[in-house]
Amino acid sequence: GAAGLVGELFEHAMALGQASGPLTVNHFRALRCASLHALAFERDPCKAERLQKHCLELKLQRFGTWHHPEIAETLGDCGALCHVLGDFAHAESMLRTSVGVWRQLLPRGRPRLPPPHRGP
């Protein structure tokens, strides 16, 4: 079933993450996968939040700035998990920061959604 498939995906992600350094994209993906696994199948949002926050710390080390799409994405994930855990003050702060970073990164006047496909 789904749990078995996700378990296999989790094993592949962990193998990729362990084969690479801690500041690589593969390692970041492995941490995100582990966080989603903890949330969905272990029903442990605290563990999921810890993994996401660890990922955020590593990304900040790698990129050296808050103004990067990887940082904005992980801040949003952390904020959502804080909200699930009832830590509303931290959730709002992280989500506001994530939105602020995205606003700075995206060019002004850019449409929020891609235009609809008009192919045959």
Foldseek 3Di string as FASTA:
>chain_A
DVLVVLVVVLVVLVVQLVVDDCLDPSVLVNLQSVLVCCVPPVVHLVSSLVSLVVSLVSPCVNPVDCQDLVNLVSLQVNLVSCVVVVVNVSSVVSPVSSVVSVVVVDDPPDDPDDDDDDDD
